[in-house]
Amino acid sequence: MTRKTVMLSESDLALVNALQVWPRAPWSAVATSLGVRSADAVARRWERLAERGDAWTTAYFRALSTGGCVALVTARCRPGTKEQVAATLAEDSCCISVEITAGTQDLLLTVAAQDLEALNHYLVQHVEQVHGLTATTTALVTRFYSEGANWRLHALGASAHAALDPGFGQQSASSITFTGLDRKLAGLLSADGRTSYAQLAEEAGTSQATARRRVTAMLRSRVLALRCEVAAPLVGLPVTATLRGRVAALDVDRVGAGLAGLSPVRMCAAVTGEHNLVATVWLPSISAVQQFEQVATRNFPALVVHDTLVNLRTVKRMGRLLDRSGRATGFVPMRVWA
């Protein structure tokens, strides 16, 4: 049974926002940013949020930075089968996000693979074999202008943001040679982005110093991303929509970067295919969908919105299985880069 949707309190929103800025921030630093004396009290509050599935932390490899590929796959299903098709695909580690949509498509999938050959094999041998699925269309992401890790609740002031930010985004990206240990550490962090270095070291079979050094190296190279997620309906944003549009090739980067700067935008990417620009937004109501389209096209006249897929339900987001209220109920390891 779906639990009643109860909005997060202002203090919980501020806590989530603090961990959006830096998911591994020490509780003492988080407490200071929130104006709370007790770091232990803040830690207990987070534990309650995480236990309920209201919010969680995770980590993932940025595929385009590691030589891999990401595809946005839309699918059509036979009547009466899309819930089961979505549930089946959500159990697959390569299909990292699954949405049931209203519009010209029944499903929107985010798929990650090591390379194009692996992507093709997965789509042909796995996705297209799922009972009830009738057609798919694949668009390859060529560039992300924004992603979920960049999105903020804006419940904290600028000074608190600055105090918590570890500064990895301001540093020049460093190169890194991946090892089996790096992939093991990233896998552990994907289950819980706040896993301590002591636990990482124990489960990965290494020292705490090495675990800390390798995780820091992956973050500085920007191939590993940490993010704090939250159930969207609990923060007053129950409507998710994905706009798919077309922009002249010379304008894609300008418009993409501009769209990414709009506060409702969770993800914005350039893709291959008929629609070369895609943006996903979190909104407070259905009526806000067209309002956002108007804002987007008014600010960026070069953008022609071809269609908008409105999310009826997010079944899975970045490895997390979600219930109908948007809360996390389970985790499917993202093993594509293992």
Protein backbone atom coordinates (compact mmCIF):
# COMPACT_ATOMS: atom_id res chain seq x y z
CA MET A 1 0.00 0.00 0.00
CA THR A 2 1.32 3.45 -0.90
CA ARG A 3 2.06 5.59 2.12
CA LYS A 4 0.37 8.95 2.46
CA THR A 5 2.33 11.78 0.90
CA VAL A 6 3.43 14.11 3.70
CA MET A 7 5.57 17.05 2.69
CA LEU A 8 9.04 17.30 4.19
CA SER A 9 9.48 19.92 6.88
CA GLU A 10 11.57 23.03 6.27
CA SER A 11 14.34 21.57 8.44
CA ASP A 12 14.34 18.34 6.44
CA LEU A 13 14.41 20.27 3.16
CA ALA A 14 17.44 22.19 4.42
CA LEU A 15 19.15 18.94 5.43
CA VAL A 16 18.56 17.39 2.01
CA ASN A 17 19.81 20.57 0.35
CA ALA A 18 22.99 20.46 2.45
CA LEU A 19 23.69 16.91 1.28
CA GLN A 20 22.91 17.89 -2.31
CA VAL A 21 25.78 20.35 -2.07
CA TRP A 22 28.12 17.70 -0.65
CA PRO A 23 26.68 14.22 0.00
CA ARG A 24 29.69 13.18 2.12
CA ALA A 25 29.87 16.32 4.24
CA PRO A 26 30.78 15.64 7.89
CA TRP A 27 27.75 15.87 10.16
CA SER A 28 29.49 18.63 12.10
CA ALA A 29 29.69 20.74 8.92
CA VAL A 30 26.08 19.97 8.03
CA ALA A 31 24.94 20.95 11.51
CA THR A 32 26.82 24.24 11.27
CA SER A 33 25.25 25.02 7.88
CA LEU A 34 21.81 24.34 9.37
CA GLY A 35 22.44 26.38 12.50
CA VAL A 36 22.06 23.27 14.68
CA ARG A 37 24.33 22.57 17.64
CA SER A 38 24.17 18.76 17.66
CA ALA A 39 25.76 16.87 14.78
CA ASP A 40 24.33 13.65 16.26
CA ALA A 41 20.81 15.06 16.05
CA VAL A 42 21.33 15.90 12.38
CA ALA A 43 22.69 12.41 11.71
CA ARG A 44 19.64 10.82 13.39
CA ARG A 45 17.31 13.00 11.35
CA TRP A 46 19.01 11.85 8.16
CA GLU A 47 18.75 8.22 9.26
CA ARG A 48 14.99 8.62 9.65
CA LEU A 49 14.67 10.16 6.18
CA ALA A 50 16.76 7.38 4.63
CA GLU A 51 14.91 4.61 6.47
CA ARG A 52 11.59 5.90 5.16
CA GLY A 53 12.99 6.19 1.64
CA ASP A 54 12.26 9.92 1.63
CA ALA A 55 15.85 10.73 0.61
CA TRP A 56 19.04 8.85 -0.13
CA THR A 57 22.59 9.29 -1.41
CA THR A 58 24.20 7.46 -4.29
CA ALA A 59 27.18 7.51 -6.63
CA TYR A 60 27.63 6.66 -10.29
CA PHE A 61 30.21 6.81 -13.05
CA ARG A 62 29.65 9.54 -15.60
CA ALA A 63 29.59 7.28 -18.63
CA LEU A 64 30.60 9.90 -21.19
CA SER A 65 33.74 10.59 -19.15
CA THR A 66 34.73 6.93 -18.99
CA GLY A 67 34.39 6.01 -22.66
CA GLY A 68 30.93 4.55 -22.22
CA CYS A 69 27.61 5.65 -23.65
CA VAL A 70 24.20 6.68 -22.36
CA ALA A 71 21.00 6.29 -24.34
CA LEU A 72 17.49 7.62 -23.82
CA VAL A 73 15.18 4.89 -25.09
CA THR A 74 11.47 5.45 -25.64
CA ALA A 75 9.21 2.42 -25.91
CA ARG A 76 5.67 1.49 -26.87
CA CYS A 77 3.83 -1.37 -25.21
CA ARG A 78 0.76 -3.44 -25.89
CA PRO A 79 -2.31 -2.20 -23.99
CA GLY A 80 -2.33 -3.38 -20.40
CA THR A 81 1.35 -4.39 -20.31
CA LYS A 82 3.38 -1.24 -19.62
CA GLU A 83 3.40 -1.67 -15.82
CA GLN A 84 4.78 -5.19 -16.15
CA VAL A 85 7.25 -4.18 -18.87
CA ALA A 86 8.48 -1.33 -16.70
CA ALA A 87 8.83 -3.62 -13.66
CA THR A 88 10.78 -6.16 -15.70
CA LEU A 89 13.20 -3.59 -17.10
CA ALA A 90 13.63 -1.97 -13.68
CA GLU A 91 15.23 -5.16 -12.37
CA ASP A 92 17.98 -4.91 -14.99
CA SER A 93 21.27 -3.29 -13.96
CA CYS A 94 21.90 -1.70 -17.39
CA CYS A 95 18.53 0.07 -17.41
CA ILE A 96 19.35 2.63 -14.74
CA SER A 97 16.10 4.64 -14.86
CA VAL A 98 12.56 3.65 -15.90
CA GLU A 99 9.58 5.99 -16.28
CA ILE A 100 5.99 5.31 -17.35
CA THR A 101 4.89 8.25 -19.45
CA ALA A 102 1.85 9.90 -21.00
CA GLY A 103 2.27 11.22 -24.51
CA THR A 104 3.56 9.71 -27.73
CA GLN A 105 5.48 7.02 -25.81
CA ASP A 106 4.63 4.61 -23.00
CA LEU A 107 8.06 4.33 -21.39
CA LEU A 108 11.21 6.42 -21.11
CA LEU A 109 14.33 4.45 -20.23
CA THR A 110 17.84 5.60 -19.43
CA VAL A 111 20.32 2.93 -20.49
CA ALA A 112 24.06 2.90 -19.88
CA ALA A 113 26.60 0.64 -21.57
CA GLN A 114 30.35 0.28 -21.90
CA ASP A 115 30.29 1.02 -25.63
CA LEU A 116 28.03 1.02 -28.68
CA GLU A 117 28.46 -2.70 -29.28
CA ALA A 118 27.42 -3.48 -25.71
CA LEU A 119 24.48 -1.08 -26.01
CA ASN A 120 23.26 -2.72 -29.21
CA HIS A 121 23.58 -6.19 -27.69
CA TYR A 122 21.64 -5.14 -24.61
CA LEU A 123 18.84 -3.50 -26.60
CA VAL A 124 18.46 -6.37 -29.06
CA GLN A 125 18.99 -9.30 -26.73
CA HIS A 126 17.30 -7.95 -23.60
CA VAL A 127 15.08 -4.87 -23.97
CA GLU A 128 13.44 -5.87 -27.25
CA GLN A 129 12.76 -9.38 -25.94
CA VAL A 130 10.60 -8.21 -23.03
CA HIS A 131 7.04 -9.52 -23.38
CA GLY A 132 4.56 -6.74 -24.15
CA LEU A 133 7.05 -4.29 -25.64
CA THR A 134 6.25 -3.49 -29.28
CA ALA A 135 8.67 -0.78 -30.43
CA THR A 136 11.67 1.24 -29.26
CA THR A 137 13.52 4.34 -30.41
CA THR A 138 17.04 5.07 -29.19
CA ALA A 139 18.69 8.49 -28.86
CA LEU A 140 22.35 8.61 -27.82
CA VAL A 141 23.41 11.31 -25.40
CA THR A 142 26.30 13.30 -26.84
CA ARG A 143 26.60 15.83 -24.02
CA PHE A 144 25.04 16.58 -20.64
CA TYR A 145 24.49 20.24 -19.81
CA SER A 146 22.97 19.36 -16.46
CA GLU A 147 22.10 16.23 -14.51
CA GLY A 148 20.40 15.29 -11.27
CA ALA A 149 23.59 15.76 -9.26
CA ASN A 150 23.50 19.49 -10.14
CA TRP A 151 19.87 20.09 -9.15
CA ARG A 152 19.20 21.92 -5.86
CA LEU A 153 16.24 22.56 -3.57
CA HIS A 154 17.51 26.08 -2.72
CA ALA A 155 16.50 25.72 0.92
CA LEU A 156 19.88 27.03 2.12
CA GLY A 157 21.55 30.38 1.67
CA ALA A 158 24.55 30.99 -0.56
CA SER A 159 26.94 31.16 2.40
CA ALA A 160 25.90 27.69 3.57
CA HIS A 161 26.39 26.36 0.04
CA ALA A 162 29.87 27.81 -0.14
CA ALA A 163 30.83 26.42 3.27
CA LEU A 164 29.76 22.88 2.32
CA ASP A 165 31.02 22.72 -1.28
CA PRO A 166 34.22 20.60 -1.44
CA GLY A 167 35.28 22.49 -4.56
CA PHE A 168 35.80 19.56 -6.92
CA GLY A 169 33.78 21.33 -9.58
CA GLN A 170 36.04 24.39 -9.46
CA GLN A 171 39.25 22.37 -9.92
CA SER A 172 40.61 21.29 -13.28
CA ALA A 173 39.59 17.70 -13.95
CA SER A 174 42.49 15.32 -13.40
CA SER A 175 43.09 12.12 -15.35
CA ILE A 176 42.76 8.72 -13.74
CA THR A 177 43.46 5.11 -14.67
CA PHE A 178 40.68 2.89 -13.35
CA THR A 179 41.39 -0.21 -11.34
CA GLY A 180 39.23 -3.04 -10.08
CA LEU A 181 39.42 -1.41 -6.66
CA ASP A 182 37.96 1.84 -8.04
CA ARG A 183 34.99 0.01 -9.50
CA LYS A 184 34.43 -1.85 -6.24
CA LEU A 185 34.53 1.39 -4.24
CA ALA A 186 32.15 3.10 -6.69
CA GLY A 187 29.75 0.17 -6.40
CA LEU A 188 29.70 0.44 -2.61
CA LEU A 189 29.09 4.19 -2.81
CA SER A 190 26.26 3.71 -5.29
CA ALA A 191 24.39 1.77 -2.60
CA ASP A 192 25.06 4.51 -0.04
CA GLY A 193 27.01 7.62 -0.95
CA ARG A 194 27.80 8.26 2.73
CA THR A 195 29.44 4.89 3.39
CA SER A 196 32.36 5.58 5.72
CA TYR A 197 35.94 5.11 4.59
CA ALA A 198 36.35 2.47 7.29
CA GLN A 199 33.46 0.45 5.85
CA LEU A 200 34.61 1.04 2.27
CA ALA A 201 38.07 -0.21 3.17
CA GLU A 202 36.73 -3.29 4.96
CA GLU A 203 34.35 -4.31 2.18
CA ALA A 204 36.79 -3.51 -0.63
CA GLY A 205 39.71 -5.23 1.08
CA THR A 206 42.01 -2.23 1.28
CA SER A 207 43.20 0.38 3.78
CA GLN A 208 41.23 3.45 4.79
CA ALA A 209 43.96 5.69 3.41
CA THR A 210 43.83 3.96 0.03
CA ALA A 211 40.02 4.05 -0.05
CA ARG A 212 40.04 7.76 0.70
CA ARG A 213 42.75 8.47 -1.89
CA ARG A 214 41.03 6.50 -4.68
CA VAL A 215 37.58 7.97 -4.03
CA THR A 216 39.03 11.49 -3.96
CA ALA A 217 40.88 10.81 -7.23
CA MET A 218 37.67 9.64 -8.92
CA LEU A 219 35.78 12.70 -7.72
CA ARG A 220 38.52 15.10 -8.82
CA SER A 221 38.64 13.46 -12.24
CA ARG A 222 34.85 14.03 -12.42
CA VAL A 223 34.19 10.54 -13.68
CA LEU A 224 32.49 9.64 -10.40
CA ALA A 225 29.50 11.69 -9.27
CA LEU A 226 27.81 11.76 -5.88
CA ARG A 227 24.26 12.91 -5.45
CA CYS A 228 21.59 13.22 -2.79
CA GLU A 229 18.17 12.25 -4.10
CA VAL A 230 14.73 12.99 -2.68
CA ALA A 231 11.20 11.80 -3.36
CA ALA A 232 9.86 14.55 -5.62
CA PRO A 233 6.25 14.62 -4.32
CA LEU A 234 7.56 15.21 -0.78
CA VAL A 235 9.14 18.50 -1.84
CA GLY A 236 6.05 19.81 -3.64
CA LEU A 237 7.16 18.79 -7.13
CA PRO A 238 4.97 15.80 -8.03
CA VAL A 239 5.04 16.31 -11.80
CA THR A 240 8.00 15.25 -13.92
CA ALA A 241 8.03 16.07 -17.62
CA THR A 242 10.57 15.51 -20.38
CA LEU A 243 10.63 18.02 -23.23
CA ARG A 244 12.03 16.84 -26.55
CA GLY A 245 12.88 19.51 -29.05
CA ARG A 246 14.95 20.53 -32.02
CA VAL A 247 17.56 23.27 -32.30
CA ALA A 248 19.83 24.15 -35.20
CA ALA A 249 23.19 22.41 -34.74
CA LEU A 250 25.04 25.71 -34.22
CA ASP A 251 22.64 26.65 -31.38
CA VAL A 252 22.56 23.37 -29.47
CA ASP A 253 25.27 24.21 -26.92
CA ARG A 254 23.99 27.73 -26.30
CA VAL A 255 20.38 26.67 -25.82
CA GLY A 256 21.31 23.54 -23.88
CA ALA A 257 23.44 25.49 -21.41
CA GLY A 258 20.70 28.10 -21.09
CA LEU A 259 17.97 25.54 -20.40
CA ALA A 260 20.20 23.84 -17.84
CA GLY A 261 20.27 27.11 -15.90
CA LEU A 262 16.49 27.20 -15.38
CA SER A 263 15.59 26.11 -11.84
CA PRO A 264 13.02 23.39 -12.71
CA VAL A 265 15.50 21.57 -14.99
CA ARG A 266 16.87 18.34 -13.54
CA MET A 267 18.57 17.06 -16.67
CA CYS A 268 19.38 18.62 -20.02
CA ALA A 269 21.26 16.83 -22.76
CA ALA A 270 22.12 16.96 -26.43
CA VAL A 271 21.12 13.74 -28.17
CA THR A 272 21.15 12.14 -31.59
CA GLY A 273 18.05 11.69 -33.68
CA GLU A 274 14.93 13.63 -34.56
CA HIS A 275 15.00 15.51 -31.23
CA ASN A 276 18.50 16.80 -30.58
CA LEU A 277 17.82 18.48 -27.22
CA VAL A 278 16.08 16.89 -24.22
CA ALA A 279 15.26 18.44 -20.83
CA THR A 280 13.62 16.84 -17.80
CA VAL A 281 11.91 19.11 -15.29
CA TRP A 282 10.31 18.74 -11.85
CA LEU A 283 7.18 20.86 -11.52
CA PRO A 284 4.46 21.59 -8.93
CA SER A 285 1.46 20.85 -11.17
CA ILE A 286 0.28 19.66 -14.57
CA SER A 287 -0.55 23.23 -15.58
CA ALA A 288 3.09 24.15 -14.97
CA VAL A 289 4.13 21.89 -17.87
CA GLN A 290 2.86 24.27 -20.53
CA GLN A 291 4.01 27.26 -18.48
CA PHE A 292 7.54 25.88 -18.56
CA GLU A 293 7.31 25.25 -22.31
CA GLN A 294 6.32 28.88 -22.75
CA VAL A 295 9.23 30.08 -20.62
CA ALA A 296 11.68 27.85 -22.47
CA THR A 297 10.59 28.88 -25.95
CA ARG A 298 10.30 32.56 -25.00
CA ASN A 299 13.82 32.58 -23.57
CA PHE A 300 15.22 30.49 -26.40
CA PRO A 301 13.33 31.17 -29.66
CA ALA A 302 15.66 28.80 -31.52
CA LEU A 303 14.11 25.89 -29.62
CA VAL A 304 11.14 24.11 -31.18
CA VAL A 305 9.47 21.73 -28.71
CA HIS A 306 8.31 18.66 -30.65
CA ASP A 307 6.62 16.86 -27.77
CA THR A 308 6.50 16.52 -24.01
CA LEU A 309 6.36 13.22 -22.14
CA VAL A 310 4.64 13.62 -18.77
CA ASN A 311 5.76 11.11 -16.18
CA LEU A 312 2.89 9.03 -14.80
CA ARG A 313 5.21 7.11 -12.50
CA THR A 314 8.95 6.77 -11.92
CA VAL A 315 9.59 3.07 -11.37
CA LYS A 316 13.36 3.44 -11.04
CA ARG A 317 15.75 6.36 -10.80
CA MET A 318 19.52 5.88 -10.99
CA GLY A 319 19.35 2.34 -9.64
CA ARG A 320 16.74 3.04 -6.93
CA LEU A 321 13.36 1.29 -7.15
CA LEU A 322 10.61 3.73 -6.17
CA ASP A 323 7.07 3.26 -4.93
CA ARG A 324 4.12 5.27 -6.20
CA SER A 325 4.86 8.08 -3.74
CA GLY A 326 8.39 8.43 -5.10
CA ARG A 327 10.08 6.90 -2.06
CA ALA A 328 12.99 4.50 -2.44
CA THR A 329 12.09 0.89 -1.68
CA GLY A 330 15.04 -1.03 -3.14
CA PHE A 331 18.27 -0.85 -5.09
CA VAL A 332 19.48 -2.57 -8.24
CA PRO A 333 23.29 -2.27 -8.50
CA MET A 334 24.43 -0.45 -11.63
CA ARG A 335 26.94 -3.03 -12.82
CA VAL A 336 27.41 -1.76 -16.35
CA TRP A 337 30.88 -0.38 -15.58
CA ALA A 338 31.98 -3.32 -13.42
